[in-house]
C-alpha atoms as a PDB file:
ATOM      1  CA  MET A   1      86.762  72.454  71.068  1.00  0.00           C
ATOM      2  CA  ARG A   2      84.414  72.804  74.019  1.00  0.00           C
ATOM      3  CA  TYR A   3      81.895  70.445  72.403  1.00  0.00           C
ATOM      4  CA  GLY A   4      84.640  68.080  71.300  1.00  0.00           C
ATOM      5  CA  VAL A   5      85.671  67.829  74.933  1.00  0.00           C
ATOM      6  CA  SER A   6      82.055  67.251  75.933  1.00  0.00           C
ATOM      7  CA  ILE A   7      81.728  64.347  73.525  1.00  0.00           C
ATOM      8  CA  ALA A   8      85.030  62.929  74.757  1.00  0.00           C
ATOM      9  CA  VAL A   9      83.704  63.034  78.308  1.00  0.00           C
ATOM     10  CA  MET A  10      80.586  61.171  77.253  1.00  0.00           C
ATOM     11  CA  LEU A  11      82.564  58.482  75.451  1.00  0.00           C
ATOM     12  CA  ALA A  12      85.019  58.131  78.316  1.00  0.00           C
ATOM     13  CA  ALA A  13      82.174  57.723  80.762  1.00  0.00           C
ATOM     14  CA  LEU A  14      80.588  55.025  78.630  1.00  0.00           C
ATOM     15  CA  THR A  15      83.790  53.081  78.068  1.00  0.00           C
ATOM     16  CA  GLY A  16      85.534  53.561  81.402  1.00  0.00           C
ATOM     17  CA  CYS A  17      84.939  51.573  84.540  1.00  0.00           C
ATOM     18  CA  SER A  18      83.199  53.268  87.448  1.00  0.00           C
ATOM     19  CA  SER A  19      85.568  54.034  90.305  1.00  0.00           C
ATOM     20  CA  THR A  20      85.265  56.214  93.391  1.00  0.00           C
ATOM     21  CA  ASN A  21      88.223  56.913  95.658  1.00  0.00           C
ATOM     22  CA  SER A  22      88.248  57.299  99.431  1.00  0.00           C
ATOM     23  CA  ASP A  23      87.356  61.007  99.141  1.00  0.00           C
ATOM     24  CA  GLY A  24      84.143  60.192  97.258  1.00  0.00           C
ATOM     25  CA  VAL A  25      85.500  61.559  93.980  1.00  0.00           C
ATOM     26  CA  SER A  26      84.949  59.541  90.815  1.00  0.00           C
ATOM     27  CA  ASP A  27      88.361  59.558  89.159  1.00  0.00           C
ATOM     28  CA  PRO A  28      88.656  56.226  87.329  1.00  0.00           C
ATOM     29  CA  PHE A  29      91.142  57.677  84.823  1.00  0.00           C
ATOM     30  CA  GLU A  30      93.489  59.166  87.415  1.00  0.00           C
ATOM     31  CA  PRO A  31      96.715  57.727  85.932  1.00  0.00           C
ATOM     32  CA  VAL A  32      95.931  59.247  82.522  1.00  0.00           C
ATOM     33  CA  ASN A  33      94.577  62.417  84.113  1.00  0.00           C
ATOM     34  CA  ARG A  34      97.833  62.906  85.991  1.00  0.00           C
ATOM     35  CA  VAL A  35      99.812  62.623  82.765  1.00  0.00           C
ATOM     36  CA  MET A  36      97.538  65.226  81.168  1.00  0.00           C
ATOM     37  CA  TRP A  37      97.856  67.460  84.249  1.00  0.00           C
ATOM     38  CA  ASP A  38     101.639  67.293  84.098  1.00  0.00           C
ATOM     39  CA  PHE A  39     101.521  68.136  80.395  1.00  0.00           C
ATOM     40  CA  ASN A  40      99.222  71.123  80.950  1.00  0.00           C
ATOM     41  CA  TYR A  41     100.964  72.385  84.080  1.00  0.00           C
ATOM     42  CA  HIS A  42     104.607  71.852  83.176  1.00  0.00           C
ATOM     43  CA  ILE A  43     104.575  72.367  79.388  1.00  0.00           C
ATOM     44  CA  VAL A  44     101.465  74.078  78.024  1.00  0.00           C
ATOM     45  CA  ASP A  45     101.034  76.635  80.803  1.00  0.00           C
ATOM     46  CA  PRO A  46     104.594  77.918  81.340  1.00  0.00           C
ATOM     47  CA  TYR A  47     105.497  77.985  77.654  1.00  0.00           C
ATOM     48  CA  LEU A  48     102.165  79.075  76.146  1.00  0.00           C
ATOM     49  CA  TYR A  49      99.287  80.150  78.383  1.00  0.00           C
ATOM     50  CA  ARG A  50     101.126  82.035  81.121  1.00  0.00           C
ATOM     51  CA  PRO A  51     103.333  84.245  78.905  1.00  0.00           C
ATOM     52  CA  THR A  52     100.442  84.902  76.507  1.00  0.00           C
ATOM     53  CA  ALA A  53      98.138  85.850  79.385  1.00  0.00           C
ATOM     54  CA  LEU A  54     100.700  88.183  80.944  1.00  0.00           C
ATOM     55  CA  PHE A  55     101.330  89.836  77.569  1.00  0.00           C
ATOM     56  CA  TYR A  56      97.574  90.272  77.046  1.00  0.00           C
ATOM     57  CA  ALA A  57      97.073  91.749  80.521  1.00  0.00           C
ATOM     58  CA  GLU A  58     100.048  94.111  80.257  1.00  0.00           C
ATOM     59  CA  TYR A  59      99.866  95.372  76.675  1.00  0.00           C
ATOM     60  CA  VAL A  60      96.178  95.263  75.710  1.00  0.00           C
ATOM     61  CA  PRO A  61      94.456  98.393  77.103  1.00  0.00           C
ATOM     62  CA  SER A  62      92.142  97.721  80.034  1.00  0.00           C
ATOM     63  CA  PRO A  63      89.024  99.233  78.336  1.00  0.00           C
ATOM     64  CA  ILE A  64      89.446  96.815  75.420  1.00  0.00           C
ATOM     65  CA  ARG A  65      89.878  93.836  77.728  1.00  0.00           C
ATOM     66  CA  THR A  66      86.884  94.877  79.839  1.00  0.00           C
ATOM     67  CA  GLY A  67      84.702  95.472  76.790  1.00  0.00           C
ATOM     68  CA  THR A  68      85.662  92.099  75.320  1.00  0.00           C
ATOM     69  CA  ALA A  69      84.943  90.312  78.598  1.00  0.00           C
ATOM     70  CA  ASN A  70      81.581  92.087  78.887  1.00  0.00           C
ATOM     71  CA  PHE A  71      80.650  91.187  75.305  1.00  0.00           C
ATOM     72  CA  LEU A  72      81.464  87.509  75.830  1.00  0.00           C
ATOM     73  CA  ALA A  73      79.743  87.403  79.218  1.00  0.00           C
ATOM     74  CA  ASN A  74      76.609  88.882  77.669  1.00  0.00           C
ATOM     75  CA  LEU A  75      76.432  85.934  75.271  1.00  0.00           C
ATOM     76  CA  ASP A  76      76.249  83.671  78.339  1.00  0.00           C
ATOM     77  CA  GLU A  77      72.978  85.263  79.459  1.00  0.00           C
ATOM     78  CA  PRO A  78      70.573  83.205  77.234  1.00  0.00           C
ATOM     79  CA  ILE A  79      71.915  79.848  78.437  1.00  0.00           C
ATOM     80  CA  SER A  80      71.980  81.186  82.000  1.00  0.00           C
ATOM     81  CA  PHE A  81      68.330  82.196  81.567  1.00  0.00           C
ATOM     82  CA  VAL A  82      67.363  78.681  80.432  1.00  0.00           C
ATOM     83  CA  SER A  83      69.469  77.006  83.154  1.00  0.00           C
ATOM     84  CA  THR A  84      68.041  79.039  86.042  1.00  0.00           C
ATOM     85  CA  LEU A  85      64.512  78.706  84.657  1.00  0.00           C
ATOM     86  CA  LEU A  86      64.919  74.909  84.665  1.00  0.00           C
ATOM     87  CA  MET A  87      66.134  75.185  88.260  1.00  0.00           C
ATOM     88  CA  GLY A  88      62.852  76.853  89.151  1.00  0.00           C
ATOM     89  CA  GLU A  89      64.565  80.137  89.967  1.00  0.00           C
ATOM     90  CA  GLY A  90      62.200  82.394  88.040  1.00  0.00           C
ATOM     91  CA  GLU A  91      63.362  85.662  89.585  1.00  0.00           C
ATOM     92  CA  ILE A  92      67.011  84.994  88.769  1.00  0.00           C
ATOM     93  CA  ALA A  93      66.043  83.824  85.267  1.00  0.00           C
ATOM     94  CA  LEU A  94      64.254  87.137  84.773  1.00  0.00           C
ATOM     95  CA  ASP A  95      67.445  88.932  85.842  1.00  0.00           C
ATOM     96  CA  HIS A  96      69.381  87.086  83.127  1.00  0.00           C
ATOM     97  CA  PHE A  97      66.699  87.927  80.559  1.00  0.00           C
ATOM     98  CA  ASN A  98      66.784  91.603  81.515  1.00  0.00           C
ATOM     99  CA  ARG A  99      70.572  91.672  81.575  1.00  0.00           C
ATOM    100  CA  PHE A 100      70.710  90.297  78.039  1.00  0.00           C
ATOM    101  CA  TRP A 101      68.309  92.736  76.376  1.00  0.00           C
ATOM    102  CA  ILE A 102      69.548  95.755  78.361  1.00  0.00           C
ATOM    103  CA  ASN A 103      73.229  95.112  77.678  1.00  0.00           C
ATOM    104  CA  SER A 104      72.567  94.073  74.073  1.00  0.00           C
ATOM    105  CA  THR A 105      70.816  97.362  73.357  1.00  0.00           C
ATOM    106  CA  PHE A 106      71.910 100.114  75.740  1.00  0.00           C
ATOM    107  CA  GLY A 107      75.257  98.408  76.311  1.00  0.00           C
ATOM    108  CA  ILE A 108      76.029  98.268  72.569  1.00  0.00           C
ATOM    109  CA  ALA A 109      75.996  94.488  72.016  1.00  0.00           C
ATOM    110  CA  GLY A 110      77.116  93.929  75.591  1.00  0.00           C
ATOM    111  CA  ILE A 111      80.381  95.863  75.411  1.00  0.00           C
ATOM    112  CA  PHE A 112      79.192  97.964  78.348  1.00  0.00           C
ATOM    113  CA  ASP A 113      77.634  96.274  81.379  1.00  0.00           C
ATOM    114  CA  VAL A 114      74.762  98.715  81.824  1.00  0.00           C
ATOM    115  CA  ALA A 115      72.642  96.149  83.682  1.00  0.00           C
ATOM    116  CA  SER A 116      75.150  95.770  86.512  1.00  0.00           C
ATOM    117  CA  ALA A 117      75.373  99.550  86.816  1.00  0.00           C
ATOM    118  CA  ALA A 118      71.578  99.522  87.188  1.00  0.00           C
ATOM    119  CA  GLY A 119      71.814  96.931  89.975  1.00  0.00           C
ATOM    120  CA  ILE A 120      70.747  93.888  87.935  1.00  0.00           C
ATOM    121  CA  VAL A 121      73.406  91.302  88.801  1.00  0.00           C
ATOM    122  CA  ALA A 122      73.254  87.524  88.318  1.00  0.00           C
ATOM    123  CA  GLU A 123      75.922  84.828  88.293  1.00  0.00           C
ATOM    124  CA  GLU A 124      76.520  82.744  85.169  1.00  0.00           C
ATOM    125  CA  ARG A 125      74.784  79.366  85.126  1.00  0.00           C
ATOM    126  CA  GLN A 126      75.240  76.449  82.710  1.00  0.00           C
ATOM    127  CA  LEU A 127      73.135  73.364  82.075  1.00  0.00           C
ATOM    128  CA  GLY A 128      75.676  71.326  84.031  1.00  0.00           C
ATOM    129  CA  ASP A 129      74.771  73.448  87.070  1.00  0.00           C
ATOM    130  CA  THR A 130      71.108  72.596  86.489  1.00  0.00           C
ATOM    131  CA  LEU A 131      71.909  68.883  86.530  1.00  0.00           C
ATOM    132  CA  GLY A 132      73.857  69.330  89.764  1.00  0.00           C
ATOM    133  CA  HIS A 133      70.969  71.295  91.252  1.00  0.00           C
ATOM    134  CA  TYR A 134      68.767  68.213  90.841  1.00  0.00           C
ATOM    135  CA  GLY A 135      71.282  65.908  92.469  1.00  0.00           C
ATOM    136  CA  VAL A 136      73.113  64.532  89.427  1.00  0.00           C
ATOM    137  CA  GLY A 137      76.633  63.631  90.499  1.00  0.00           C
ATOM    138  CA  HIS A 138      79.788  64.838  88.807  1.00  0.00           C
ATOM    139  CA  GLY A 139      80.520  61.472  87.211  1.00  0.00           C
ATOM    140  CA  PRO A 140      84.041  60.665  86.000  1.00  0.00           C
ATOM    141  CA  TYR A 141      86.565  63.474  86.265  1.00  0.00           C
ATOM    142  CA  LEU A 142      88.778  64.180  83.253  1.00  0.00           C
ATOM    143  CA  MET A 143      91.812  66.394  82.682  1.00  0.00           C
ATOM    144  CA  ILE A 144      91.842  67.428  79.014  1.00  0.00           C
ATOM    145  CA  PRO A 145      95.111  68.506  77.331  1.00  0.00           C
ATOM    146  CA  PHE A 146      95.169  72.250  76.469  1.00  0.00           C
ATOM    147  CA  TYR A 147      91.736  72.617  78.083  1.00  0.00           C
ATOM    148  CA  GLY A 148      91.794  71.666  81.729  1.00  0.00           C
ATOM    149  CA  PRO A 149      89.391  69.839  84.034  1.00  0.00           C
ATOM    150  CA  THR A 150      85.845  68.752  83.294  1.00  0.00           C
ATOM    151  CA  THR A 151      83.397  66.044  84.375  1.00  0.00           C
ATOM    152  CA  PHE A 152      80.709  63.870  82.855  1.00  0.00           C
ATOM    153  CA  ARG A 153      78.047  66.203  84.271  1.00  0.00           C
ATOM    154  CA  GLU A 154      79.593  69.337  82.791  1.00  0.00           C
ATOM    155  CA  GLY A 155      80.133  67.611  79.456  1.00  0.00           C
ATOM    156  CA  THR A 156      76.521  66.464  79.372  1.00  0.00           C
ATOM    157  CA  GLY A 157      75.406  70.003  80.141  1.00  0.00           C
ATOM    158  CA  ASP A 158      77.486  71.364  77.261  1.00  0.00           C
ATOM    159  CA  ILE A 159      76.001  68.834  74.868  1.00  0.00           C
ATOM    160  CA  GLY A 160      72.577  69.901  76.114  1.00  0.00           C
ATOM    161  CA  GLY A 161      73.310  73.275  74.513  1.00  0.00           C
ATOM    162  CA  PHE A 162      72.799  71.580  71.162  1.00  0.00           C
ATOM    163  CA  PHE A 163      69.128  71.104  72.027  1.00  0.00           C
ATOM    164  CA  VAL A 164      68.392  74.622  73.272  1.00  0.00           C
ATOM    165  CA  PRO A 165      66.705  76.371  70.306  1.00  0.00           C
ATOM    166  CA  THR A 166      68.456  79.503  68.950  1.00  0.00           C
ATOM    167  CA  LEU A 167      71.216  79.256  71.567  1.00  0.00           C
ATOM    168  CA  PHE A 168      73.533  76.723  69.964  1.00  0.00           C
ATOM    169  CA  ASP A 169      75.340  79.127  67.644  1.00  0.00           C
ATOM    170  CA  LEU A 170      75.793  81.655  70.438  1.00  0.00           C
ATOM    171  CA  ASN A 171      77.018  78.991  72.828  1.00  0.00           C
ATOM    172  CA  PHE A 172      79.348  77.354  70.324  1.00  0.00           C
ATOM    173  CA  TYR A 173      81.194  80.394  68.992  1.00  0.00           C
ATOM    174  CA  GLN A 174      81.061  82.323  72.247  1.00  0.00           C
ATOM    175  CA  GLY A 175      82.497  79.332  74.089  1.00  0.00           C
ATOM    176  CA  ALA A 176      85.549  79.264  71.842  1.00  0.00           C
ATOM    177  CA  ALA A 177      86.101  83.022  72.120  1.00  0.00           C
ATOM    178  CA  LYS A 178      85.569  83.046  75.863  1.00  0.00           C
ATOM    179  CA  TRP A 179      87.951  80.142  76.368  1.00  0.00           C
ATOM    180  CA  GLY A 180      90.596  81.977  74.357  1.00  0.00           C
ATOM    181  CA  LEU A 181      90.206  85.640  75.320  1.00  0.00           C
ATOM    182  CA  GLN A 182      88.507  85.774  78.693  1.00  0.00           C
ATOM    183  CA  GLY A 183      90.631  82.805  79.719  1.00  0.00           C
ATOM    184  CA  LEU A 184      93.705  85.012  79.265  1.00  0.00           C
ATOM    185  CA  ASP A 185      92.375  87.480  81.814  1.00  0.00           C
ATOM    186  CA  ASP A 186      91.527  84.669  84.209  1.00  0.00           C
ATOM    187  CA  ARG A 187      94.977  83.124  83.798  1.00  0.00           C
ATOM    188  CA  ALA A 188      96.741  86.442  84.402  1.00  0.00           C
ATOM    189  CA  ALA A 189      94.648  86.996  87.535  1.00  0.00           C
ATOM    190  CA  ALA A 190      95.581  83.526  88.804  1.00  0.00           C
ATOM    191  CA  VAL A 191      99.310  84.305  88.939  1.00  0.00           C
ATOM    192  CA  GLY A 192      98.967  85.177  92.618  1.00  0.00           C
ATOM    193  CA  GLN A 193      97.590  81.705  93.354  1.00  0.00           C
ATOM    194  CA  GLU A 194     100.582  79.891  91.906  1.00  0.00           C
ATOM    195  CA  PRO A 195     102.427  79.605  95.274  1.00  0.00           C
ATOM    196  CA  LEU A 196      99.457  77.715  96.748  1.00  0.00           C
ATOM    197  CA  ILE A 197      99.512  75.170  93.948  1.00  0.00           C
ATOM    198  CA  GLU A 198     103.284  74.818  94.049  1.00  0.00           C
ATOM    199  CA  ALA A 199     103.277  74.376  97.833  1.00  0.00           C
ATOM    200  CA  SER A 200     100.512  71.793  97.741  1.00  0.00           C
ATOM    201  CA  PRO A 201     101.635  68.233  98.592  1.00  0.00           C
ATOM    202  CA  ASP A 202      99.743  67.040  95.499  1.00  0.00           C
ATOM    203  CA  SER A 203      98.967  69.758  92.948  1.00  0.00           C
ATOM    204  CA  TYR A 204      96.767  67.424  90.911  1.00  0.00           C
ATOM    205  CA  ILE A 205      94.462  66.699  93.872  1.00  0.00           C
ATOM    206  CA  PHE A 206      94.523  70.381  94.893  1.00  0.00           C
ATOM    207  CA  VAL A 207      93.248  71.537  91.486  1.00  0.00           C
ATOM    208  CA  ARG A 208      90.800  68.659  91.089  1.00  0.00           C
ATOM    209  CA  ASP A 209      89.150  69.259  94.462  1.00  0.00           C
ATOM    210  CA  ALA A 210      89.038  73.033  93.950  1.00  0.00           C
ATOM    211  CA  TYR A 211      87.343  72.544  90.586  1.00  0.00           C
ATOM    212  CA  LEU A 212      84.737  70.122  91.933  1.00  0.00           C
ATOM    213  CA  GLN A 213      83.985  72.331  94.952  1.00  0.00           C
ATOM    214  CA  ASN A 214      83.486  75.313  92.668  1.00  0.00           C
ATOM    215  CA  ARG A 215      81.044  73.314  90.529  1.00  0.00           C
ATOM    216  CA  ASP A 216      79.138  72.211  93.631  1.00  0.00           C
ATOM    217  CA  PHE A 217      78.937  75.836  94.754  1.00  0.00           C
ATOM    218  CA  ARG A 218      77.531  76.891  91.373  1.00  0.00           C
ATOM    219  CA  ALA A 219      75.014  74.044  91.290  1.00  0.00           C
ATOM    220  CA  SER A 220      73.773  74.965  94.773  1.00  0.00           C
ATOM    221  CA  GLY A 221      73.098  78.518  93.641  1.00  0.00           C
ATOM    222  CA  GLY A 222      75.752  79.872  95.962  1.00  0.00           C
ATOM    223  CA  GLU A 223      74.520  78.090  99.071  1.00  0.00           C
ATOM    224  CA  ILE A 224      77.205  76.810 101.413  1.00  0.00           C
ATOM    225  CA  ASN A 225      77.180  73.574 103.357  1.00  0.00           C
ATOM    226  CA  LEU A 226      78.170  74.873 106.792  1.00  0.00           C
ATOM    227  CA  GLU A 227      79.429  71.518 108.051  1.00  0.00           C
ATOM    228  CA  GLN A 228      81.528  71.031 104.937  1.00  0.00           C
ATOM    229  CA  ASP A 229      82.672  74.661 105.150  1.00  0.00           C
ATOM    230  CA  GLU A 230      83.919  74.085 108.702  1.00  0.00           C
ATOM    231  CA  GLN A 231      85.760  70.958 107.566  1.00  0.00           C
ATOM    232  CA  ASP A 232      87.282  72.888 104.660  1.00  0.00           C
ATOM    233  CA  ASP A 233      88.430  75.592 107.103  1.00  0.00           C
ATOM    234  CA  GLU A 234      90.117  72.947 109.263  1.00  0.00           C
ATOM    235  CA  ASP A 235      91.796  71.419 106.205  1.00  0.00           C
ATOM    236  CA  LEU A 236      92.928  74.867 105.041  1.00  0.00           C
ATOM    237  CA  ASN A 237      94.362  75.720 108.461  1.00  0.00           C
ATOM    238  CA  GLU A 238      96.271  72.431 108.523  1.00  0.00           C
ATOM    239  CA  PHE A 239      97.608  73.177 105.035  1.00  0.00           C
ATOM    240  CA  ILE A 240      98.698  76.686 106.057  1.00  0.00           C
ATOM    241  CA  ASP A 241     100.453  75.290 109.163  1.00  0.00           C
ATOM    242  CA  GLU A 242     102.364  72.831 106.980  1.00  0.00           C
ATOM    243  CA  PHE A 243     103.182  75.562 104.470  1.00  0.00           C
ATOM    244  CA  GLU A 244     104.564  77.852 107.189  1.00  0.00           C
END
């Protein structure tokens, strides 16, 4: 499904008109995106994702959930290695390489995160992050039913996985499993953030901007724009004042 979404993003970008709103966000399909957001948020999530995630978090033993998450995260290491290498971050790429072989062997196929215990830690990187690192913009934003938000840049990065030798099968099957299983953990952990979304004047904009800011953060390698960070703090304080 991940690659189906990627292709849909590509086609949408080719057929849709280019449009940028006053916030500098390219959202030419906003009317359709809002319909998809309402469908995901008001139907799919409360009746499917949320109860399934809470059941998974409550009734599946923590060691099984942790082992599954570690196994799936380990399959991200090869594409993270390629992505960071293309960014010119050789030291971080080496960390991903070492994490993969250490966890795949001593960690029993990645079930145990031995590398992190040994102090070898590196954040996941995708080819979409590499494109962003070199200044490629997000492109059109899309809200996909049952899936969530994505952009032209992220979709292009996913399709790029087709052309990374030996990694396609890992990326394809791992992506589906990670979206289904690890996504349950992520959704259960996000329950505490629900009041923020519900209290937002426009939940669609709130989620869209949070998603894009997260992707910018990943593409920058974790570097923060201090001026933008100060502006975000001011915006957050204004939001909190309104909420209170």
